[in-house]
PDB file of N, CA and C in Angstrom:
ATOM      1  N   UNK A   1    -157.823  18.076  81.630  1.00  0.00           N
ATOM      2  CA  UNK A   1    -156.476  17.025  81.910  1.00  0.00           C
ATOM      3  C   UNK A   1    -156.210  15.844  81.873  1.00  0.00           C
ATOM      4  N   UNK A   2    -157.494  15.732  83.337  1.00  0.00           N
ATOM      5  CA  UNK A   2    -157.571  14.217  83.239  1.00  0.00           C
ATOM      6  C   UNK A   2    -157.565  13.668  82.324  1.00  0.00           C
ATOM      7  N   UNK A   3    -158.315  13.858  81.410  1.00  0.00           N
ATOM      8  CA  UNK A   3    -157.723  13.607  80.065  1.00  0.00           C
ATOM      9  C   UNK A   3    -156.870  13.444  79.477  1.00  0.00           C
ATOM     10  N   UNK A   4    -156.034  14.297  78.946  1.00  0.00           N
ATOM     11  CA  UNK A   4    -155.511  14.368  78.545  1.00  0.00           C
ATOM     12  C   UNK A   4    -154.308  13.422  78.607  1.00  0.00           C
ATOM     13  N   UNK A   5    -153.903  13.406  80.224  1.00  0.00           N
ATOM     14  CA  UNK A   5    -153.376  12.747  80.338  1.00  0.00           C
ATOM     15  C   UNK A   5    -153.259  10.661  80.162  1.00  0.00           C
ATOM     16  N   UNK A   6    -154.476  11.358  80.378  1.00  0.00           N
ATOM     17  CA  UNK A   6    -155.156   9.118  79.881  1.00  0.00           C
ATOM     18  C   UNK A   6    -154.808   9.225  78.105  1.00  0.00           C
ATOM     19  N   UNK A   7    -154.930  10.167  77.637  1.00  0.00           N
ATOM     20  CA  UNK A   7    -154.778   9.844  76.728  1.00  0.00           C
ATOM     21  C   UNK A   7    -153.049   9.612  75.790  1.00  0.00           C
ATOM     22  N   UNK A   8    -152.230  10.599  76.670  1.00  0.00           N
ATOM     23  CA  UNK A   8    -150.928   9.862  76.435  1.00  0.00           C
ATOM     24  C   UNK A   8    -149.888   8.538  77.216  1.00  0.00           C
ATOM     25  N   UNK A   9    -151.469   8.798  78.325  1.00  0.00           N
ATOM     26  CA  UNK A   9    -150.226   7.476  78.320  1.00  0.00           C
ATOM     27  C   UNK A   9    -150.751   6.362  77.403  1.00  0.00           C
ATOM     28  N   UNK A  10    -151.825   6.566  77.013  1.00  0.00           N
ATOM     29  CA  UNK A  10    -152.847   5.494  75.758  1.00  0.00           C
ATOM     30  C   UNK A  10    -151.398   5.334  74.685  1.00  0.00           C
ATOM     31  N   UNK A  11    -151.444   6.107  74.290  1.00  0.00           N
ATOM     32  CA  UNK A  11    -150.456   6.213  73.250  1.00  0.00           C
ATOM     33  C   UNK A  11    -149.289   6.474  73.300  1.00  0.00           C
ATOM     34  N   UNK A  12    -148.310   6.381  74.668  1.00  0.00           N
ATOM     35  CA  UNK A  12    -146.490   5.285  75.415  1.00  0.00           C
ATOM     36  C   UNK A  12    -146.713   4.074  75.480  1.00  0.00           C
ATOM     37  N   UNK A  13    -148.703   3.309  76.027  1.00  0.00           N
ATOM     38  CA  UNK A  13    -147.378   2.294  76.270  1.00  0.00           C
ATOM     39  C   UNK A  13    -148.605   1.712  75.140  1.00  0.00           C
ATOM     40  N   UNK A  14    -149.319   2.128  73.924  1.00  0.00           N
ATOM     41  CA  UNK A  14    -149.230   1.070  72.230  1.00  0.00           C
ATOM     42  C   UNK A  14    -147.479   1.189  71.609  1.00  0.00           C
ATOM     43  N   UNK A  15    -146.863   2.156  72.295  1.00  0.00           N
ATOM     44  CA  UNK A  15    -145.461   3.087  71.681  1.00  0.00           C
ATOM     45  C   UNK A  15    -144.953   1.668  72.107  1.00  0.00           C
ATOM     46  N   UNK A  16    -144.948   1.277  73.027  1.00  0.00           N
ATOM     47  CA  UNK A  16    -144.144  -0.195  73.673  1.00  0.00           C
ATOM     48  C   UNK A  16    -144.775  -1.594  73.418  1.00  0.00           C
ATOM     49  N   UNK A  17    -145.406  -1.552  72.960  1.00  0.00           N
ATOM     50  CA  UNK A  17    -146.438  -2.981  72.967  1.00  0.00           C
ATOM     51  C   UNK A  17    -145.244  -3.592  71.889  1.00  0.00           C
ATOM     52  N   UNK A  18    -143.944  -3.355  70.713  1.00  0.00           N
ATOM     53  CA  UNK A  18    -144.369  -3.626  69.755  1.00  0.00           C
ATOM     54  C   UNK A  18    -142.141  -4.159  70.641  1.00  0.00           C
ATOM     55  N   UNK A  19    -141.826  -3.863  71.189  1.00  0.00           N
ATOM     56  CA  UNK A  19    -140.754  -3.880  72.603  1.00  0.00           C
ATOM     57  C   UNK A  19    -141.106  -4.788  73.577  1.00  0.00           C
ATOM     58  N   UNK A  20    -142.488  -5.515  73.525  1.00  0.00           N
ATOM     59  CA  UNK A  20    -143.002  -6.699  74.384  1.00  0.00           C
ATOM     60  C   UNK A  20    -142.440  -7.685  74.756  1.00  0.00           C
ATOM     61  N   UNK A  21    -142.020  -8.570  73.856  1.00  0.00           N
ATOM     62  CA  UNK A  21    -141.662  -9.051  73.241  1.00  0.00           C
ATOM     63  C   UNK A  21    -139.648  -8.834  72.880  1.00  0.00           C
ATOM     64  N   UNK A  22    -138.942  -9.402  74.236  1.00  0.00           N
ATOM     65  CA  UNK A  22    -137.881  -9.997  75.204  1.00  0.00           C
ATOM     66  C   UNK A  22    -136.974 -10.324  73.784  1.00  0.00           C
ATOM     67  N   UNK A  23    -137.020 -11.624  73.078  1.00  0.00           N
ATOM     68  CA  UNK A  23    -136.291 -12.529  72.452  1.00  0.00           C
ATOM     69  C   UNK A  23    -136.220 -11.725  71.433  1.00  0.00           C
ATOM     70  N   UNK A  24    -135.286 -13.000  69.943  1.00  0.00           N
ATOM     71  CA  UNK A  24    -134.466 -11.907  68.567  1.00  0.00           C
ATOM     72  C   UNK A  24    -135.689 -12.307  67.663  1.00  0.00           C
ATOM     73  N   UNK A  25    -136.349 -13.735  68.160  1.00  0.00           N
ATOM     74  CA  UNK A  25    -137.272 -14.338  66.818  1.00  0.00           C
ATOM     75  C   UNK A  25    -138.764 -14.401  67.084  1.00  0.00           C
ATOM     76  N   UNK A  26    -139.078 -13.098  67.275  1.00  0.00           N
ATOM     77  CA  UNK A  26    -140.231 -13.290  66.926  1.00  0.00           C
ATOM     78  C   UNK A  26    -141.706 -13.685  65.861  1.00  0.00           C
ATOM     79  N   UNK A  27    -140.749 -13.252  64.294  1.00  0.00           N
ATOM     80  CA  UNK A  27    -141.611 -13.433  63.638  1.00  0.00           C
ATOM     81  C   UNK A  27    -140.323 -14.598  62.132  1.00  0.00           C
ATOM     82  N   UNK A  28    -140.622 -15.347  61.431  1.00  0.00           N
ATOM     83  CA  UNK A  28    -140.166 -15.940  61.052  1.00  0.00           C
ATOM     84  C   UNK A  28    -138.519 -15.378  60.049  1.00  0.00           C
ATOM     85  N   UNK A  29    -139.445 -14.180  59.909  1.00  0.00           N
ATOM     86  CA  UNK A  29    -138.796 -13.158  59.169  1.00  0.00           C
ATOM     87  C   UNK A  29    -137.181 -12.906  59.277  1.00  0.00           C
ATOM     88  N   UNK A  30    -137.576 -12.872  61.050  1.00  0.00           N
ATOM     89  CA  UNK A  30    -136.349 -12.034  61.672  1.00  0.00           C
ATOM     90  C   UNK A  30    -135.183 -13.053  61.967  1.00  0.00           C
ATOM     91  N   UNK A  31    -134.273 -11.817  62.307  1.00  0.00           N
ATOM     92  CA  UNK A  31    -132.800 -12.591  63.325  1.00  0.00           C
ATOM     93  C   UNK A  31    -132.384 -12.406  63.909  1.00  0.00           C
ATOM     94  N   UNK A  32    -131.449 -14.439  63.969  1.00  0.00           N
ATOM     95  CA  UNK A  32    -131.201 -14.923  65.164  1.00  0.00           C
ATOM     96  C   UNK A  32    -129.895 -13.917  65.782  1.00  0.00           C
ATOM     97  N   UNK A  33    -129.992 -14.057  66.628  1.00  0.00           N
ATOM     98  CA  UNK A  33    -128.174 -12.893  67.408  1.00  0.00           C
ATOM     99  C   UNK A  33    -126.913 -13.906  66.213  1.00  0.00           C
ATOM    100  N   UNK A  34    -126.881 -15.343  65.728  1.00  0.00           N
ATOM    101  CA  UNK A  34    -126.553 -15.768  65.097  1.00  0.00           C
ATOM    102  C   UNK A  34    -125.890 -14.845  63.267  1.00  0.00           C
ATOM    103  N   UNK A  35    -127.043 -14.480  62.909  1.00  0.00           N
ATOM    104  CA  UNK A  35    -127.874 -14.106  61.770  1.00  0.00           C
ATOM    105  C   UNK A  35    -128.359 -14.760  61.026  1.00  0.00           C
ATOM    106  N   UNK A  36    -128.989 -15.950  61.172  1.00  0.00           N
ATOM    107  CA  UNK A  36    -129.295 -16.559  60.842  1.00  0.00           C
ATOM    108  C   UNK A  36    -130.579 -16.463  60.831  1.00  0.00           C
ATOM    109  N   UNK A  37    -131.608 -16.646  59.349  1.00  0.00           N
ATOM    110  CA  UNK A  37    -132.996 -16.386  59.971  1.00  0.00           C
ATOM    111  C   UNK A  37    -133.541 -16.934  60.506  1.00  0.00           C
ATOM    112  N   UNK A  38    -134.590 -16.465  61.259  1.00  0.00           N
ATOM    113  CA  UNK A  38    -135.193 -17.521  62.588  1.00  0.00           C
ATOM    114  C   UNK A  38    -135.931 -18.616  62.214  1.00  0.00           C
ATOM    115  N   UNK A  39    -137.226 -18.510  61.518  1.00  0.00           N
ATOM    116  CA  UNK A  39    -137.621 -19.690  60.239  1.00  0.00           C
ATOM    117  C   UNK A  39    -138.218 -19.615  61.264  1.00  0.00           C
ATOM    118  N   UNK A  40    -138.512 -21.570  61.109  1.00  0.00           N
ATOM    119  CA  UNK A  40    -139.601 -22.096  62.827  1.00  0.00           C
ATOM    120  C   UNK A  40    -139.083 -21.362  63.828  1.00  0.00           C
ATOM    121  N   UNK A  41    -138.185 -22.347  64.345  1.00  0.00           N
ATOM    122  CA  UNK A  41    -137.995 -21.837  65.242  1.00  0.00           C
ATOM    123  C   UNK A  41    -138.504 -19.950  66.439  1.00  0.00           C
ATOM    124  N   UNK A  42    -138.929 -19.189  65.511  1.00  0.00           N
ATOM    125  CA  UNK A  42    -139.598 -18.186  66.128  1.00  0.00           C
ATOM    126  C   UNK A  42    -141.327 -18.177  66.669  1.00  0.00           C
ATOM    127  N   UNK A  43    -141.611 -17.488  67.334  1.00  0.00           N
ATOM    128  CA  UNK A  43    -142.794 -18.100  68.260  1.00  0.00           C
ATOM    129  C   UNK A  43    -143.611 -17.728  67.458  1.00  0.00           C
ATOM    130  N   UNK A  44    -143.609 -16.997  66.424  1.00  0.00           N
ATOM    131  CA  UNK A  44    -145.044 -16.812  65.641  1.00  0.00           C
ATOM    132  C   UNK A  44    -145.222 -18.853  65.235  1.00  0.00           C
ATOM    133  N   UNK A  45    -143.766 -18.898  64.526  1.00  0.00           N
ATOM    134  CA  UNK A  45    -144.426 -20.117  64.162  1.00  0.00           C
ATOM    135  C   UNK A  45    -144.695 -21.610  65.037  1.00  0.00           C
ATOM    136  N   UNK A  46    -145.134 -21.592  66.191  1.00  0.00           N
ATOM    137  CA  UNK A  46    -144.834 -22.148  67.719  1.00  0.00           C
ATOM    138  C   UNK A  46    -146.118 -22.026  67.842  1.00  0.00           C
ATOM    139  N   UNK A  47    -146.986 -23.097  68.469  1.00  0.00           N
ATOM    140  CA  UNK A  47    -147.801 -22.801  69.298  1.00  0.00           C
ATOM    141  C   UNK A  47    -147.558 -21.966  70.665  1.00  0.00           C
ATOM    142  N   UNK A  48    -149.360 -21.657  70.436  1.00  0.00           N
ATOM    143  CA  UNK A  48    -149.110 -20.854  72.073  1.00  0.00           C
ATOM    144  C   UNK A  48    -147.467 -19.823  71.730  1.00  0.00           C
ATOM    145  N   UNK A  49    -147.229 -19.441  70.227  1.00  0.00           N
ATOM    146  CA  UNK A  49    -145.846 -18.187  70.513  1.00  0.00           C
ATOM    147  C   UNK A  49    -145.889 -17.328  70.626  1.00  0.00           C
ATOM    148  N   UNK A  50    -145.727 -16.201  71.152  1.00  0.00           N
ATOM    149  CA  UNK A  50    -146.057 -15.133  70.990  1.00  0.00           C
ATOM    150  C   UNK A  50    -145.411 -14.363  72.875  1.00  0.00           C
TER     151      UNK A  50
END
């Protein structure tokens, strides 16, 4: 039972990793709130981003 709960917890945690970034521009191909491409403004493009 405990092992099943542990596996379920890990799977739920992994599912939320993609949502951990709060901004609109994580990668250069993303779109900003105004509809423009993020490009060099993205977190991936900046030193220490993410």
